[in-house]
Protein backbone atom coordinates (compact mmCIF):
# COMPACT_ATOMS: atom_id res chain seq x y z
CA MET A 1 -41.50 34.41 6.12
CA SER A 2 -38.38 34.73 9.47
CA SER A 3 -34.89 35.88 9.45
CA PRO A 4 -32.16 33.24 9.00
CA HIS A 5 -30.63 32.96 12.37
CA PRO A 6 -27.54 35.15 12.33
CA ALA A 7 -24.30 33.09 12.85
CA PRO A 8 -23.01 32.43 16.27
CA THR A 9 -20.14 35.02 17.18
CA ASP A 10 -17.00 33.78 18.32
CA ASP A 11 -17.74 34.38 21.82
CA GLU A 12 -20.96 32.34 21.57
CA LEU A 13 -18.66 29.17 20.10
CA LEU A 14 -16.02 29.72 22.64
CA ALA A 15 -18.70 29.39 25.42
CA ALA A 16 -19.88 26.37 24.05
CA ALA A 17 -16.16 24.85 23.58
CA ARG A 18 -15.40 25.07 26.62
CA THR A 19 -18.13 22.79 27.61
CA GLY A 20 -16.87 20.12 25.30
CA ASP A 21 -19.11 20.74 22.02
CA ARG A 22 -16.81 19.22 18.86
CA ASP A 23 -18.62 21.42 16.69
CA ALA A 24 -18.43 24.42 18.08
CA VAL A 25 -14.41 23.79 18.10
CA GLU A 26 -14.47 23.11 14.09
CA ALA A 27 -16.47 25.72 13.62
CA LEU A 28 -14.21 27.85 14.82
CA ILE A 29 -11.30 26.35 13.29
CA VAL A 30 -13.37 26.18 9.83
CA ARG A 31 -14.11 29.95 10.53
CA HIS A 32 -10.48 31.51 11.29
CA GLN A 33 -8.25 28.76 8.78
CA PRO A 34 -8.21 31.32 5.82
CA GLN A 35 -7.34 34.10 7.78
CA VAL A 36 -4.34 31.83 9.52
CA TYR A 37 -3.07 30.29 6.67
CA ARG A 38 -3.08 33.39 4.38
CA PHE A 39 -1.28 35.48 7.03
CA ALA A 40 1.25 32.47 7.57
CA LEU A 41 1.64 32.15 3.92
CA ARG A 42 3.25 35.80 4.07
CA SER A 43 5.06 36.22 6.53
CA CYS A 44 6.78 32.66 6.34
CA ALA A 45 6.67 33.44 2.43
CA ASP A 46 7.02 29.58 1.83
CA ALA A 47 3.76 27.14 1.56
CA GLU A 48 5.25 24.21 3.08
CA SER A 49 5.94 26.55 6.36
CA ALA A 50 2.91 28.17 5.69
CA LYS A 51 0.73 24.86 6.09
CA ASP A 52 2.87 23.59 9.46
CA VAL A 53 2.20 26.84 10.89
CA LEU A 54 -1.23 26.35 10.17
CA GLN A 55 -1.68 22.87 11.68
CA GLU A 56 0.29 24.07 14.83
CA THR A 57 -2.10 27.28 15.06
CA LEU A 58 -5.15 25.55 14.95
CA LEU A 59 -3.91 22.64 17.46
CA ALA A 60 -3.04 25.34 19.75
CA LEU A 61 -6.59 26.80 19.49
CA ALA A 62 -7.99 23.25 19.69
CA ARG A 63 -5.99 22.71 23.22
CA SER A 64 -6.14 25.97 24.84
CA VAL A 65 -10.09 27.07 23.67
CA GLN A 66 -10.95 25.84 27.50
CA THR A 67 -8.80 28.10 29.01
CA PHE A 68 -8.73 31.14 26.51
CA ARG A 69 -9.37 34.17 28.87
CA GLY A 70 -10.44 36.53 26.17
CA GLU A 71 -7.85 38.74 26.88
CA ALA A 72 -7.33 40.15 23.40
CA THR A 73 -9.97 38.74 20.43
CA LEU A 74 -9.27 35.39 18.99
CA SER A 75 -8.25 36.75 15.72
CA THR A 76 -5.35 38.55 17.67
CA TRP A 77 -4.65 35.19 19.86
CA LEU A 78 -4.34 33.15 16.60
CA TYR A 79 -2.40 35.91 14.95
CA THR A 80 0.55 35.62 17.48
CA VAL A 81 0.54 31.99 17.81
CA ALA A 82 1.10 31.93 14.48
CA ARG A 83 3.59 34.45 13.93
CA ASN A 84 5.69 32.60 16.69
CA GLY A 85 5.65 29.50 14.51
CA CYS A 86 6.90 31.52 11.39
CA LEU A 87 9.76 33.36 13.58
CA ARG A 88 10.51 29.58 14.84
CA LEU A 89 10.83 28.14 11.72
CA ARG A 90 12.82 31.16 10.26
CA ARG A 91 14.94 30.71 13.23
CA ARG A 92 15.59 27.19 12.63
CA ARG A 93 15.35 26.54 8.69
CA LYS A 94 16.53 30.01 8.08
CA PHE A 95 15.34 29.69 4.67
CA ALA A 96 15.59 31.68 1.03
CA PRO A 97 12.14 31.45 -0.30
CA VAL A 98 12.23 30.94 -3.82
CA TRP A 99 9.36 32.24 -6.45
CA GLU A 100 8.33 30.15 -9.37
CA GLU A 101 6.43 32.93 -11.02
CA SER A 102 8.75 35.42 -13.11
CA LEU A 103 7.57 38.97 -13.00
CA GLU A 104 9.91 39.91 -16.34
CA THR A 105 6.82 39.85 -18.61
CA LEU A 106 4.64 42.58 -16.79
CA ALA A 107 4.45 46.11 -18.74
CA GLU A 108 5.96 48.57 -17.29
CA GLY A 109 3.48 51.52 -15.86
CA GLN A 110 1.01 48.58 -14.33
CA LEU A 111 0.74 49.93 -10.89
CA ASP A 112 -2.82 51.74 -12.00
CA ALA A 113 -4.17 48.60 -13.74
CA LEU A 114 -3.29 45.94 -10.40
CA ALA A 115 -4.72 48.05 -8.20
CA SER A 116 -8.05 48.28 -10.25
CA PRO A 117 -10.34 45.06 -9.98
CA ALA A 118 -9.46 42.42 -12.97
CA ARG A 119 -11.64 42.57 -15.63
CA GLY A 120 -12.57 40.19 -19.01
CA PRO A 121 -11.55 36.39 -19.81
CA ASP A 122 -8.25 36.71 -18.27
CA GLU A 123 -9.75 37.50 -15.14
CA GLN A 124 -7.97 34.64 -13.30
CA LEU A 125 -4.50 35.28 -14.53
CA ALA A 126 -4.35 38.56 -13.85
CA ASP A 127 -5.69 38.03 -10.26
CA ARG A 128 -2.79 35.19 -9.86
CA GLU A 129 -0.35 38.09 -11.21
CA GLN A 130 -1.38 40.67 -9.07
CA ARG A 131 -0.84 38.16 -5.93
CA ASP A 132 2.04 36.90 -6.79
CA THR A 133 3.38 40.33 -7.78
CA VAL A 134 2.60 41.74 -3.96
CA ASP A 135 4.00 38.31 -2.20
CA ALA A 136 7.26 38.71 -4.31
CA ALA A 137 7.64 42.65 -2.80
CA LEU A 138 6.70 41.41 0.08
CA ASP A 139 9.79 38.56 0.43
CA THR A 140 12.16 41.49 0.00
CA LEU A 141 10.76 43.53 2.99
CA ASP A 142 13.02 43.43 6.48
CA PRO A 143 10.49 40.39 8.37
CA GLY A 144 9.76 42.40 11.35
CA GLN A 145 8.61 45.35 8.29
CA ARG A 146 6.78 42.55 6.38
CA GLU A 147 5.09 41.22 9.50
CA VAL A 148 3.87 44.87 10.73
CA LEU A 149 2.85 45.84 7.05
CA VAL A 150 0.96 41.76 7.03
CA LEU A 151 -1.07 42.80 9.86
CA ARG A 152 -1.64 46.21 9.55
CA ASP A 153 -2.38 46.87 5.51
CA ILE A 154 -3.82 43.55 4.62
CA GLU A 155 -5.64 41.56 7.29
CA GLY A 156 -6.85 45.23 8.51
CA LEU A 157 -5.76 45.17 12.37
CA THR A 158 -5.29 48.32 13.83
CA ALA A 159 -2.00 49.92 15.21
CA PRO A 160 -2.60 48.81 18.87
CA GLU A 161 -3.98 45.30 17.86
CA VAL A 162 -0.56 44.83 15.80
CA ALA A 163 1.20 46.09 18.41
CA ALA A 164 -0.62 43.26 21.30
CA VAL A 165 0.70 40.67 18.36
CA THR A 166 4.04 41.74 17.39
CA ARG A 167 4.49 43.24 21.54
CA LEU A 168 6.10 45.82 20.41
CA SER A 169 4.92 49.47 21.43
CA VAL A 170 1.96 51.32 19.17
CA ASP A 171 4.62 53.98 17.88
CA ALA A 172 7.63 51.66 17.00
CA VAL A 173 4.67 49.73 15.10
CA LYS A 174 3.71 52.91 13.41
CA SER A 175 7.38 53.90 12.59
CA ARG A 176 8.10 50.11 11.40
CA LEU A 177 4.79 50.47 8.91
CA HIS A 178 6.01 53.43 7.78
CA ARG A 179 9.42 52.49 6.34
CA ALA A 180 7.65 49.07 5.27
CA ARG A 181 5.26 50.92 3.32
CA VAL A 182 7.95 53.05 1.72
CA ALA A 183 10.16 50.32 0.94
CA LEU A 184 7.59 48.20 -0.86
CA ARG A 185 6.56 51.15 -3.04
CA ARG A 186 10.08 51.31 -4.39
CA GLU A 187 10.13 47.85 -4.94
CA LEU A 188 6.88 48.14 -6.78
CA VAL A 189 7.87 50.69 -8.65
CA SER A 190 11.15 49.27 -9.64
CA ARG A 191 9.61 45.90 -10.38
CA LEU A 192 6.57 47.37 -12.90
CA ALA A 193 8.56 50.55 -14.16
CA PRO A 194 12.09 49.99 -13.83
CA ALA A 195 13.17 53.24 -15.32
CA ALA A 196 10.90 55.48 -13.13
CA PRO A 197 12.95 55.77 -10.31
CA GLU A 198 15.93 57.01 -12.50
CA SER A 199 14.58 59.25 -14.53
CA ALA A 200 11.68 60.97 -11.90
CA GLU A 201 13.16 60.94 -8.92
CA LYS A 202 16.83 61.63 -9.41
CA VAL A 203 16.57 64.06 -11.94
CA ALA A 204 14.02 66.13 -9.50
CA ASP A 205 16.63 66.17 -6.81
CA ALA A 206 19.23 67.53 -9.27
CA LEU A 207 17.31 70.40 -10.16
CA PRO A 208 19.25 73.84 -9.06
CA GLY A 209 17.91 74.67 -5.75
CA ALA A 210 15.83 71.70 -5.15
CA LYS A 211 15.46 71.16 -1.57
CA PRO A 212 15.45 67.21 -0.26
CA CYS A 213 12.04 65.60 0.39
CA ARG A 214 12.93 61.96 0.89
CA ASP A 215 10.88 61.78 3.72
CA VAL A 216 8.01 62.98 2.41
CA LEU A 217 6.60 59.54 1.67
CA ASP A 218 6.92 58.89 5.68
CA LEU A 219 5.00 61.86 6.34
CA PHE A 220 1.98 60.68 3.70
CA SER A 221 2.27 57.45 5.41
CA ARG A 222 1.42 59.32 8.68
CA HIS A 223 -1.45 61.37 7.08
CA LEU A 224 -3.14 58.30 5.46
CA ASP A 225 -3.15 57.20 8.87
CA ASP A 226 -4.42 60.39 10.62
CA ASP A 227 -1.46 60.70 12.63
CA LEU A 228 -0.22 63.86 11.35
CA THR A 229 -1.33 67.17 13.62
CA SER A 230 -3.33 69.98 11.78
CA GLU A 231 -0.20 71.97 11.32
CA SER A 232 1.77 68.75 9.55
CA CYS A 233 -0.86 68.38 7.48
CA ALA A 234 -0.93 71.90 6.08
CA GLU A 235 2.70 72.43 5.12
CA LEU A 236 2.52 68.64 3.56
CA ASP A 237 -0.42 69.84 1.96
CA ALA A 238 1.17 72.94 0.61
CA HIS A 239 4.35 71.10 0.06
CA LEU A 240 2.60 68.79 -2.60
CA ALA A 241 0.78 71.45 -4.15
CA ALA A 242 4.03 72.76 -5.18
CA CYS A 243 6.12 69.45 -5.83
CA GLU A 244 5.06 67.30 -8.89
CA GLY A 245 7.81 64.89 -7.90
CA CYS A 246 6.15 64.17 -4.64
CA ARG A 247 2.49 64.40 -5.91
CA GLY A 248 3.81 61.41 -7.93
CA ARG A 249 5.20 59.81 -5.26
CA CYS A 250 2.53 59.97 -3.23
CA ALA A 251 -0.04 58.91 -5.24
CA SER A 252 1.92 55.97 -6.07
CA LEU A 253 1.92 54.89 -2.23
CA ARG A 254 -1.77 55.04 -2.42
CA GLN A 255 -1.74 52.88 -5.22
CA VAL A 256 0.24 50.59 -3.91
CA LEU A 257 -1.41 50.38 -0.34
CA THR A 258 -4.65 49.96 -2.49
CA LEU A 259 -3.00 46.90 -4.36
CA CYS A 260 -2.48 45.13 -0.96
CA ARG A 261 -5.46 45.27 0.16
CA SER A 262 -7.38 44.62 -2.60
CA ALA A 263 -5.00 41.64 -3.86
CA PRO A 264 -6.73 38.34 -4.31
CA THR A 265 -6.48 35.96 -1.09
CA PRO A 266 -4.67 32.87 -1.86
CA ALA A 267 -7.44 29.92 -1.25
CA LEU A 268 -6.25 27.06 1.05
CA PRO A 269 -5.06 24.09 -0.90
CA ALA A 270 -7.57 21.44 -0.32
CA ASP A 271 -5.06 18.79 0.93
CA VAL A 272 -4.33 21.63 3.54
CA ASP A 273 -7.45 22.08 4.52
CA GLN A 274 -8.01 17.94 4.81
CA SER A 275 -4.40 17.60 6.45
CA VAL A 276 -5.42 20.12 9.23
CA ARG A 277 -8.88 19.22 9.78
CA GLN A 278 -7.44 15.36 10.14
CA ALA A 279 -5.41 16.03 12.37
CA ILE A 280 -7.65 18.24 14.53
CA ARG A 281 -10.19 15.56 14.66
CA GLU A 282 -7.46 13.19 16.39
CA TYR A 283 -6.77 15.13 18.47
CA LEU A 284 -10.02 15.60 19.63
CA ASN A 285 -10.95 12.01 19.30
CA GLY A 286 -7.85 11.34 21.48
CA ARG A 287 -8.18 14.08 24.02
């Protein structure tokens, strides 16, 4: 029995597209459409803007496919185009996204549950709550921090790839990423367990002889990315062994990152899919 033919790579599809193969162009668009929409939706924080950015980005792919030189991966190039689209819309509209879903009904202490796979008959609702919780918290971040965190912790790009998309240095990406993670953790904890930051962190800092350790989350974030020296790792391990409060904070940061990576992907609406494909077909037919 013969094995199924493997799906063509991006490079193979690009090579075919450069010869005028429209099926190859459409195959590239179908393959990358979901990730572009997901990134645009979380970067623009507005469904209508995400649709505009998606269409603009995929049209740019159709227009540029013959001259794409491959100096970056196609995914990195698409993220860059989508990011620029979001920036243009943000400057033009200065919109303030409105979130329709209220999160006030989420019970305290649900961070562990949200970071775990949903179960039972309420799975669809739980998935939606999980996605909305992450998205609403992401929307509170500074736009620069949000895009770095989305690219690194949700889309899974490496730090150098994020640097290529955002035109920052790798060090600047990492610095912005660690600040974004700490800010997102604080926002999620305040939403899911409003009393926790007041009762745990402030009391711990007020104890007689307590040493300030507010940078421990930044260090722990760097540790998760293997970005600490062995000496710094040893110092961090020793501090966490002695500081129960910091152990809890670091555990919650790890849960937040798990939550980001496991949050269900927003589905591409059928009408958006049809609209974008129609625009691409019209462009290809009119070339």
